[in-house]
Amino acid sequence: MSDKTKKMLAQALECVEDGNYSNALKLYDLILKAEPDNVGVLVDKGVTLQNIGRLGLAIKLYDMALVIYPDNLDALLNKGTALHSGKKYLEAIDCYDATLKIDKRCAMALAYKGLSLAELGHLQEALVHFKRALSVDEHYDLASVSKDLVQELLKSSKGRAF
């Protein structure tokens, strides 16, 4: 990566932090024009698009990154979260499973798979995944809060997804 590209990437990340997504996207486009196979920038642009609710475009960018680098955990996880946000829980689970094939101790993939399972009403299985995520990272708030919520739902015998 050239110094110019590094500088533009730093500027894009600053724009994202400031909530200036439009300028960040323009900078990502400039970088990708020069380096169309830059997986990190494809993923970063996808995350930015996901943050503004453009899930379809974000998923396309994650897919582009995965064509170049099929085992990229960031692309797989972010694609999963975008699919989850779009209520495509089974497809999201496929992404988390692909992540777990690469890194079976990925707490984020375990927790997010638990969230998708819970949305599908598979609370017992979701609970298992939250506990596995916590066995990897005992301070993972998302897994901890989700585990507690699922346990309460199971106790109340309502068994509804959240």
N, C-alpha and C. Protein backbone atom coordinates (compact mmCIF):
# COMPACT_ATOMS: atom_id res chain seq x y z
N MET A 1 0.86 -1.18 0.00
CA MET A 1 0.00 0.00 0.00
C MET A 1 0.90 1.24 0.00
N SER A 2 0.62 2.15 -0.90
CA SER A 2 1.44 3.35 -1.01
C SER A 2 1.15 4.30 0.15
N ASP A 3 2.06 5.25 0.34
CA ASP A 3 1.86 6.25 1.40
C ASP A 3 0.60 7.07 1.15
N LYS A 4 0.35 7.37 -0.13
CA LYS A 4 -0.85 8.14 -0.48
C LYS A 4 -2.10 7.35 -0.10
N THR A 5 -2.09 6.06 -0.38
CA THR A 5 -3.23 5.20 -0.05
C THR A 5 -3.41 5.13 1.46
N LYS A 6 -2.31 4.98 2.19
CA LYS A 6 -2.39 4.93 3.65
C LYS A 6 -2.99 6.22 4.21
N LYS A 7 -2.58 7.35 3.62
CA LYS A 7 -3.10 8.64 4.08
C LYS A 7 -4.60 8.76 3.81
N MET A 8 -5.02 8.33 2.62
CA MET A 8 -6.45 8.37 2.28
C MET A 8 -7.25 7.44 3.18
N LEU A 9 -6.69 6.28 3.48
CA LEU A 9 -7.38 5.34 4.35
C LEU A 9 -7.53 5.93 5.76
N ALA A 10 -6.49 6.56 6.25
CA ALA A 10 -6.56 7.20 7.57
C ALA A 10 -7.64 8.30 7.56
N GLN A 11 -7.69 9.06 6.47
CA GLN A 11 -8.71 10.11 6.35
C GLN A 11 -10.11 9.50 6.32
N ALA A 12 -10.26 8.40 5.60
CA ALA A 12 -11.56 7.74 5.52
C ALA A 12 -12.00 7.26 6.90
N LEU A 13 -11.08 6.69 7.64
CA LEU A 13 -11.41 6.19 8.98
C LEU A 13 -11.79 7.35 9.91
N GLU A 14 -11.11 8.49 9.77
CA GLU A 14 -11.47 9.68 10.55
C GLU A 14 -12.88 10.15 10.19
N CYS A 15 -13.18 10.14 8.90
CA CYS A 15 -14.52 10.53 8.46
C CYS A 15 -15.58 9.62 9.07
N VAL A 16 -15.31 8.32 9.09
CA VAL A 16 -16.26 7.38 9.68
C VAL A 16 -16.45 7.69 11.16
N GLU A 17 -15.35 7.92 11.87
CA GLU A 17 -15.44 8.23 13.30
C GLU A 17 -16.26 9.49 13.55
N ASP A 18 -16.16 10.45 12.61
CA ASP A 18 -16.89 11.71 12.74
C ASP A 18 -18.32 11.61 12.22
N GLY A 19 -18.69 10.45 11.69
CA GLY A 19 -20.02 10.28 11.15
C GLY A 19 -20.19 10.85 9.75
N ASN A 20 -19.09 11.21 9.12
CA ASN A 20 -19.11 11.77 7.77
C ASN A 20 -18.95 10.62 6.77
N TYR A 21 -20.00 9.83 6.65
CA TYR A 21 -19.94 8.62 5.84
C TYR A 21 -19.80 8.91 4.35
N SER A 22 -20.40 9.99 3.90
CA SER A 22 -20.34 10.33 2.49
C SER A 22 -18.89 10.55 2.03
N ASN A 23 -18.15 11.34 2.80
CA ASN A 23 -16.74 11.58 2.45
C ASN A 23 -15.91 10.31 2.59
N ALA A 24 -16.21 9.50 3.60
CA ALA A 24 -15.49 8.25 3.78
C ALA A 24 -15.69 7.36 2.56
N LEU A 25 -16.92 7.27 2.08
CA LEU A 25 -17.21 6.44 0.92
C LEU A 25 -16.48 6.95 -0.33
N LYS A 26 -16.38 8.27 -0.49
CA LYS A 26 -15.64 8.83 -1.62
C LYS A 26 -14.17 8.46 -1.54
N LEU A 27 -13.61 8.51 -0.34
CA LEU A 27 -12.20 8.14 -0.16
C LEU A 27 -11.98 6.65 -0.43
N TYR A 28 -12.89 5.82 0.07
CA TYR A 28 -12.77 4.38 -0.21
C TYR A 28 -12.83 4.12 -1.71
N ASP A 29 -13.70 4.84 -2.41
CA ASP A 29 -13.80 4.67 -3.87
C ASP A 29 -12.50 5.06 -4.57
N LEU A 30 -11.88 6.13 -4.12
CA LEU A 30 -10.60 6.55 -4.70
C LEU A 30 -9.53 5.47 -4.48
N ILE A 31 -9.49 4.93 -3.30
CA ILE A 31 -8.51 3.89 -3.00
C ILE A 31 -8.78 2.66 -3.85
N LEU A 32 -10.05 2.26 -3.93
CA LEU A 32 -10.40 1.05 -4.69
C LEU A 32 -10.19 1.23 -6.19
N LYS A 33 -10.25 2.47 -6.65
CA LYS A 33 -9.95 2.71 -8.07
C LYS A 33 -8.50 2.35 -8.36
N ALA A 34 -7.63 2.68 -7.41
CA ALA A 34 -6.20 2.38 -7.56
C ALA A 34 -5.87 0.94 -7.17
N GLU A 35 -6.60 0.41 -6.18
CA GLU A 35 -6.33 -0.93 -5.64
C GLU A 35 -7.64 -1.70 -5.51
N PRO A 36 -8.22 -2.16 -6.62
CA PRO A 36 -9.53 -2.81 -6.57
C PRO A 36 -9.56 -4.12 -5.77
N ASP A 37 -8.41 -4.72 -5.52
CA ASP A 37 -8.35 -5.98 -4.78
C ASP A 37 -7.95 -5.78 -3.31
N ASN A 38 -8.05 -4.56 -2.81
CA ASN A 38 -7.68 -4.29 -1.43
C ASN A 38 -8.82 -4.76 -0.52
N VAL A 39 -8.66 -5.95 0.03
CA VAL A 39 -9.70 -6.59 0.83
C VAL A 39 -10.08 -5.75 2.05
N GLY A 40 -9.09 -5.19 2.71
CA GLY A 40 -9.36 -4.38 3.90
C GLY A 40 -10.25 -3.18 3.58
N VAL A 41 -9.99 -2.54 2.47
CA VAL A 41 -10.78 -1.37 2.07
C VAL A 41 -12.18 -1.81 1.62
N LEU A 42 -12.28 -2.93 0.93
CA LEU A 42 -13.61 -3.45 0.56
C LEU A 42 -14.45 -3.70 1.81
N VAL A 43 -13.83 -4.30 2.82
CA VAL A 43 -14.55 -4.58 4.07
C VAL A 43 -14.90 -3.28 4.78
N ASP A 44 -13.94 -2.35 4.87
CA ASP A 44 -14.21 -1.07 5.54
C ASP A 44 -15.34 -0.31 4.85
N LYS A 45 -15.34 -0.30 3.53
CA LYS A 45 -16.41 0.36 2.80
C LYS A 45 -17.73 -0.35 3.07
N GLY A 46 -17.70 -1.68 3.11
CA GLY A 46 -18.90 -2.44 3.43
C GLY A 46 -19.45 -2.09 4.81
N VAL A 47 -18.57 -1.98 5.78
CA VAL A 47 -19.00 -1.63 7.14
C VAL A 47 -19.63 -0.24 7.15
N THR A 48 -19.02 0.68 6.42
CA THR A 48 -19.56 2.04 6.35
C THR A 48 -20.96 2.02 5.73
N LEU A 49 -21.12 1.28 4.65
CA LEU A 49 -22.43 1.17 4.02
C LEU A 49 -23.43 0.50 4.96
N GLN A 50 -22.97 -0.49 5.69
CA GLN A 50 -23.84 -1.18 6.65
C GLN A 50 -24.29 -0.20 7.73
N ASN A 51 -23.38 0.66 8.16
CA ASN A 51 -23.72 1.63 9.21
C ASN A 51 -24.81 2.61 8.78
N ILE A 52 -24.92 2.86 7.47
CA ILE A 52 -25.96 3.77 7.00
C ILE A 52 -27.17 3.02 6.43
N GLY A 53 -27.21 1.71 6.70
CA GLY A 53 -28.38 0.93 6.34
C GLY A 53 -28.42 0.42 4.91
N ARG A 54 -27.33 0.51 4.20
CA ARG A 54 -27.29 0.03 2.81
C ARG A 54 -26.75 -1.40 2.81
N LEU A 55 -27.58 -2.29 3.33
CA LEU A 55 -27.16 -3.67 3.59
C LEU A 55 -26.82 -4.43 2.31
N GLY A 56 -27.61 -4.26 1.28
CA GLY A 56 -27.37 -4.98 0.02
C GLY A 56 -26.01 -4.64 -0.58
N LEU A 57 -25.70 -3.35 -0.61
CA LEU A 57 -24.39 -2.94 -1.14
C LEU A 57 -23.26 -3.43 -0.24
N ALA A 58 -23.48 -3.38 1.06
CA ALA A 58 -22.46 -3.87 2.00
C ALA A 58 -22.17 -5.34 1.74
N ILE A 59 -23.22 -6.13 1.58
CA ILE A 59 -23.05 -7.57 1.35
C ILE A 59 -22.30 -7.81 0.04
N LYS A 60 -22.59 -7.02 -0.98
CA LYS A 60 -21.86 -7.16 -2.26
C LYS A 60 -20.37 -6.91 -2.06
N LEU A 61 -20.03 -5.92 -1.25
CA LEU A 61 -18.61 -5.65 -1.00
C LEU A 61 -17.96 -6.78 -0.21
N TYR A 62 -18.67 -7.30 0.78
CA TYR A 62 -18.13 -8.43 1.53
C TYR A 62 -17.92 -9.63 0.60
N ASP A 63 -18.87 -9.84 -0.30
CA ASP A 63 -18.73 -10.94 -1.26
C ASP A 63 -17.52 -10.73 -2.17
N MET A 64 -17.30 -9.49 -2.60
CA MET A 64 -16.13 -9.18 -3.43
C MET A 64 -14.85 -9.50 -2.67
N ALA A 65 -14.82 -9.12 -1.39
CA ALA A 65 -13.64 -9.40 -0.56
C ALA A 65 -13.44 -10.91 -0.41
N LEU A 66 -14.54 -11.64 -0.27
CA LEU A 66 -14.45 -13.09 -0.07
C LEU A 66 -14.04 -13.83 -1.34
N VAL A 67 -14.30 -13.25 -2.50
CA VAL A 67 -13.81 -13.84 -3.75
C VAL A 67 -12.29 -13.76 -3.77
N ILE A 68 -11.76 -12.64 -3.31
CA ILE A 68 -10.31 -12.42 -3.30
C ILE A 68 -9.66 -13.23 -2.18
N TYR A 69 -10.29 -13.23 -1.01
CA TYR A 69 -9.73 -13.87 0.18
C TYR A 69 -10.86 -14.61 0.92
N PRO A 70 -11.15 -15.85 0.51
CA PRO A 70 -12.31 -16.58 1.03
C PRO A 70 -12.32 -16.80 2.55
N ASP A 71 -11.17 -16.78 3.19
CA ASP A 71 -11.10 -17.03 4.63
C ASP A 71 -10.98 -15.75 5.45
N ASN A 72 -11.38 -14.62 4.88
CA ASN A 72 -11.26 -13.36 5.61
C ASN A 72 -12.35 -13.28 6.68
N LEU A 73 -11.93 -13.35 7.93
CA LEU A 73 -12.88 -13.37 9.04
C LEU A 73 -13.70 -12.10 9.12
N ASP A 74 -13.08 -10.94 8.86
CA ASP A 74 -13.83 -9.68 8.93
C ASP A 74 -14.95 -9.65 7.90
N ALA A 75 -14.66 -10.09 6.70
CA ALA A 75 -15.68 -10.11 5.65
C ALA A 75 -16.80 -11.09 6.01
N LEU A 76 -16.43 -12.26 6.51
CA LEU A 76 -17.44 -13.26 6.88
C LEU A 76 -18.33 -12.78 8.03
N LEU A 77 -17.71 -12.25 9.08
CA LEU A 77 -18.48 -11.78 10.23
C LEU A 77 -19.38 -10.62 9.87
N ASN A 78 -18.83 -9.66 9.13
CA ASN A 78 -19.63 -8.49 8.76
C ASN A 78 -20.75 -8.86 7.79
N LYS A 79 -20.49 -9.78 6.90
CA LYS A 79 -21.56 -10.25 6.01
C LYS A 79 -22.66 -10.90 6.86
N GLY A 80 -22.25 -11.69 7.84
CA GLY A 80 -23.24 -12.31 8.73
C GLY A 80 -24.08 -11.27 9.46
N THR A 81 -23.44 -10.23 9.98
CA THR A 81 -24.22 -9.23 10.72
C THR A 81 -25.13 -8.44 9.78
N ALA A 82 -24.69 -8.21 8.55
CA ALA A 82 -25.55 -7.51 7.58
C ALA A 82 -26.76 -8.37 7.24
N LEU A 83 -26.52 -9.66 7.03
CA LEU A 83 -27.63 -10.58 6.75
C LEU A 83 -28.59 -10.65 7.94
N HIS A 84 -28.03 -10.70 9.13
CA HIS A 84 -28.85 -10.73 10.35
C HIS A 84 -29.72 -9.47 10.41
N SER A 85 -29.11 -8.32 10.16
CA SER A 85 -29.86 -7.06 10.18
C SER A 85 -30.99 -7.06 9.16
N GLY A 86 -30.78 -7.76 8.07
CA GLY A 86 -31.80 -7.90 7.04
C GLY A 86 -32.76 -9.04 7.30
N LYS A 87 -32.69 -9.61 8.50
CA LYS A 87 -33.56 -10.71 8.94
C LYS A 87 -33.36 -11.99 8.12
N LYS A 88 -32.18 -12.15 7.55
CA LYS A 88 -31.84 -13.38 6.82
C LYS A 88 -30.98 -14.24 7.74
N TYR A 89 -31.64 -14.77 8.77
CA TYR A 89 -30.93 -15.42 9.86
C TYR A 89 -30.21 -16.70 9.43
N LEU A 90 -30.83 -17.50 8.58
CA LEU A 90 -30.18 -18.75 8.15
C LEU A 90 -28.91 -18.46 7.34
N GLU A 91 -28.99 -17.45 6.48
CA GLU A 91 -27.80 -17.07 5.70
C GLU A 91 -26.73 -16.50 6.62
N ALA A 92 -27.15 -15.74 7.63
CA ALA A 92 -26.20 -15.20 8.60
C ALA A 92 -25.49 -16.35 9.32
N ILE A 93 -26.25 -17.35 9.72
CA ILE A 93 -25.68 -18.51 10.41
C ILE A 93 -24.65 -19.19 9.53
N ASP A 94 -24.92 -19.28 8.23
CA ASP A 94 -23.94 -19.86 7.31
C ASP A 94 -22.61 -19.10 7.37
N CYS A 95 -22.68 -17.78 7.46
CA CYS A 95 -21.45 -16.97 7.56
C CYS A 95 -20.73 -17.25 8.87
N TYR A 96 -21.49 -17.33 9.95
CA TYR A 96 -20.87 -17.60 11.25
C TYR A 96 -20.26 -19.00 11.28
N ASP A 97 -20.94 -19.96 10.65
CA ASP A 97 -20.39 -21.32 10.57
C ASP A 97 -19.09 -21.34 9.76
N ALA A 98 -19.06 -20.58 8.67
CA ALA A 98 -17.83 -20.50 7.86
C ALA A 98 -16.70 -19.89 8.69
N THR A 99 -17.03 -18.89 9.48
CA THR A 99 -16.04 -18.27 10.37
C THR A 99 -15.53 -19.28 11.38
N LEU A 100 -16.45 -20.05 11.96
CA LEU A 100 -16.08 -21.02 12.99
C LEU A 100 -15.28 -22.20 12.43
N LYS A 101 -15.42 -22.46 11.14
CA LYS A 101 -14.57 -23.48 10.52
C LYS A 101 -13.12 -23.02 10.47
N ILE A 102 -12.93 -21.71 10.34
CA ILE A 102 -11.59 -21.13 10.28
C ILE A 102 -11.04 -20.94 11.70
N ASP A 103 -11.90 -20.45 12.60
CA ASP A 103 -11.51 -20.18 13.98
C ASP A 103 -12.64 -20.62 14.90
N LYS A 104 -12.54 -21.86 15.40
CA LYS A 104 -13.64 -22.40 16.20
C LYS A 104 -13.81 -21.69 17.54
N ARG A 105 -12.84 -20.84 17.90
CA ARG A 105 -12.92 -20.10 19.16
C ARG A 105 -13.22 -18.62 18.94
N CYS A 106 -13.83 -18.28 17.85
CA CYS A 106 -14.18 -16.89 17.56
C CYS A 106 -15.43 -16.52 18.37
N ALA A 107 -15.20 -15.79 19.46
CA ALA A 107 -16.31 -15.45 20.37
C ALA A 107 -17.39 -14.65 19.65
N MET A 108 -17.00 -13.77 18.76
CA MET A 108 -17.98 -12.95 18.07
C MET A 108 -18.88 -13.82 17.19
N ALA A 109 -18.30 -14.75 16.45
CA ALA A 109 -19.10 -15.63 15.59
C ALA A 109 -20.04 -16.50 16.44
N LEU A 110 -19.55 -16.97 17.57
CA LEU A 110 -20.38 -17.78 18.46
C LEU A 110 -21.57 -16.98 18.99
N ALA A 111 -21.29 -15.76 19.45
CA ALA A 111 -22.35 -14.92 20.01
C ALA A 111 -23.36 -14.51 18.94
N TYR A 112 -22.86 -14.10 17.80
CA TYR A 112 -23.79 -13.68 16.74
C TYR A 112 -24.60 -14.84 16.20
N LYS A 113 -23.99 -16.01 16.15
CA LYS A 113 -24.78 -17.19 15.75
C LYS A 113 -25.88 -17.42 16.78
N GLY A 114 -25.55 -17.23 18.04
CA GLY A 114 -26.57 -17.34 19.08
C GLY A 114 -27.71 -16.36 18.88
N LEU A 115 -27.39 -15.14 18.49
CA LEU A 115 -28.43 -14.14 18.25
C LEU A 115 -29.35 -14.57 17.11
N SER A 116 -28.75 -15.06 16.03
CA SER A 116 -29.57 -15.50 14.89
C SER A 116 -30.43 -16.70 15.27
N LEU A 117 -29.85 -17.63 16.03
CA LEU A 117 -30.63 -18.79 16.49
C LEU A 117 -31.79 -18.35 17.37
N ALA A 118 -31.54 -17.38 18.23
CA ALA A 118 -32.60 -16.88 19.11
C ALA A 118 -33.72 -16.24 18.29
N GLU A 119 -33.34 -15.48 17.27
CA GLU A 119 -34.35 -14.87 16.40
C GLU A 119 -35.22 -15.92 15.73
N LEU A 120 -34.64 -17.08 15.46
CA LEU A 120 -35.38 -18.18 14.84
C LEU A 120 -36.18 -18.99 15.86
N GLY A 121 -36.04 -18.63 17.14
CA GLY A 121 -36.76 -19.33 18.19
C GLY A 121 -36.06 -20.54 18.75
N HIS A 122 -34.81 -20.75 18.38
CA HIS A 122 -34.03 -21.89 18.88
C HIS A 122 -33.25 -21.46 20.13
N LEU A 123 -34.00 -21.24 21.20
CA LEU A 123 -33.40 -20.63 22.39
C LEU A 123 -32.38 -21.52 23.08
N GLN A 124 -32.65 -22.82 23.18
CA GLN A 124 -31.68 -23.71 23.83
C GLN A 124 -30.35 -23.71 23.07
N GLU A 125 -30.44 -23.81 21.75
CA GLU A 125 -29.22 -23.81 20.94
C GLU A 125 -28.51 -22.46 21.02
N ALA A 126 -29.29 -21.38 21.06
CA ALA A 126 -28.71 -20.04 21.20
C ALA A 126 -27.95 -19.95 22.52
N LEU A 127 -28.54 -20.46 23.58
CA LEU A 127 -27.92 -20.44 24.90
C LEU A 127 -26.57 -21.14 24.89
N VAL A 128 -26.50 -22.28 24.21
CA VAL A 128 -25.24 -23.02 24.09
C VAL A 128 -24.17 -22.14 23.44
N HIS A 129 -24.55 -21.41 22.40
CA HIS A 129 -23.57 -20.57 21.69
C HIS A 129 -23.14 -19.37 22.53
N PHE A 130 -24.06 -18.78 23.29
CA PHE A 130 -23.67 -17.68 24.17
C PHE A 130 -22.69 -18.18 25.24
N LYS A 131 -22.96 -19.37 25.79
CA LYS A 131 -22.06 -19.93 26.80
C LYS A 131 -20.69 -20.25 26.20
N ARG A 132 -20.68 -20.77 24.98
CA ARG A 132 -19.39 -21.05 24.31
C ARG A 132 -18.62 -19.76 24.08
N ALA A 133 -19.33 -18.70 23.66
CA ALA A 133 -18.66 -17.41 23.45
C ALA A 133 -18.06 -16.91 24.76
N LEU A 134 -18.78 -17.08 25.86
CA LEU A 134 -18.28 -16.64 27.17
C LEU A 134 -17.14 -17.52 27.66
N SER A 135 -17.09 -18.77 27.22
CA SER A 135 -15.96 -19.62 27.62
C SER A 135 -14.67 -19.16 26.91
N VAL A 136 -14.83 -18.51 25.77
CA VAL A 136 -13.68 -17.96 25.05
C VAL A 136 -13.31 -16.60 25.61
N ASP A 137 -14.34 -15.76 25.86
CA ASP A 137 -14.13 -14.41 26.37
C ASP A 137 -15.17 -14.14 27.45
N GLU A 138 -14.78 -14.33 28.69
CA GLU A 138 -15.74 -14.23 29.80
C GLU A 138 -16.28 -12.82 29.99
N HIS A 139 -15.67 -11.82 29.37
CA HIS A 139 -16.10 -10.43 29.53
C HIS A 139 -16.87 -9.92 28.31
N TYR A 140 -17.31 -10.81 27.45
CA TYR A 140 -17.99 -10.42 26.22
C TYR A 140 -19.43 -10.04 26.57
N ASP A 141 -19.68 -8.73 26.66
CA ASP A 141 -20.98 -8.23 27.12
C ASP A 141 -22.15 -8.72 26.29
N LEU A 142 -22.01 -8.70 24.98
CA LEU A 142 -23.11 -9.13 24.11
C LEU A 142 -23.53 -10.56 24.45
N ALA A 143 -22.57 -11.43 24.62
CA ALA A 143 -22.86 -12.83 24.94
C ALA A 143 -23.47 -12.95 26.33
N SER A 144 -22.95 -12.19 27.27
CA SER A 144 -23.44 -12.26 28.64
C SER A 144 -24.88 -11.77 28.76
N VAL A 145 -25.14 -10.61 28.20
CA VAL A 145 -26.50 -10.05 28.25
C VAL A 145 -27.47 -10.96 27.51
N SER A 146 -27.07 -11.46 26.35
CA SER A 146 -27.94 -12.32 25.55
C SER A 146 -28.21 -13.64 26.27
N LYS A 147 -27.18 -14.19 26.91
CA LYS A 147 -27.35 -15.44 27.67
C LYS A 147 -28.37 -15.23 28.78
N ASP A 148 -28.23 -14.14 29.52
CA ASP A 148 -29.16 -13.86 30.61
C ASP A 148 -30.59 -13.69 30.09
N LEU A 149 -30.74 -13.00 28.98
CA LEU A 149 -32.07 -12.78 28.41
C LEU A 149 -32.69 -14.10 27.96
N VAL A 150 -31.91 -14.93 27.29
CA VAL A 150 -32.43 -16.23 26.84
C VAL A 150 -32.81 -17.09 28.04
N GLN A 151 -31.99 -17.07 29.08
CA GLN A 151 -32.31 -17.87 30.27
C GLN A 151 -33.63 -17.39 30.89
N GLU A 152 -33.84 -16.08 30.92
CA GLU A 152 -35.10 -15.55 31.45
C GLU A 152 -36.28 -15.96 30.58
N LEU A 153 -36.10 -15.91 29.26
CA LEU A 153 -37.17 -16.34 28.35
C LEU A 153 -37.49 -17.81 28.54
N LEU A 154 -36.47 -18.61 28.71
CA LEU A 154 -36.70 -20.05 28.91
C LEU A 154 -37.40 -20.30 30.24
N LYS A 155 -37.01 -19.57 31.28
CA LYS A 155 -37.65 -19.72 32.61
C LYS A 155 -39.11 -19.32 32.57
N SER A 156 -39.38 -18.26 31.83
CA SER A 156 -40.75 -17.75 31.77
C SER A 156 -41.64 -18.64 30.92
N SER A 157 -41.01 -19.59 30.24
CA SER A 157 -41.66 -20.57 29.36
C SER A 157 -42.43 -19.94 28.20
N LYS A 158 -42.17 -18.67 27.97
CA LYS A 158 -42.78 -18.03 26.80
C LYS A 158 -42.06 -18.51 25.55
N GLY A 159 -40.72 -18.61 25.66
CA GLY A 159 -39.93 -19.17 24.58
C GLY A 159 -39.94 -18.37 23.29
N ARG A 160 -40.24 -17.09 23.38
CA ARG A 160 -40.28 -16.26 22.16
C ARG A 160 -38.88 -15.77 21.84
N ALA A 161 -38.67 -15.54 20.57
CA ALA A 161 -37.41 -14.93 20.13
C ALA A 161 -37.38 -13.48 20.55
N PHE A 162 -36.19 -12.91 20.58
CA PHE A 162 -36.07 -11.49 20.92
C PHE A 162 -35.53 -10.70 19.79
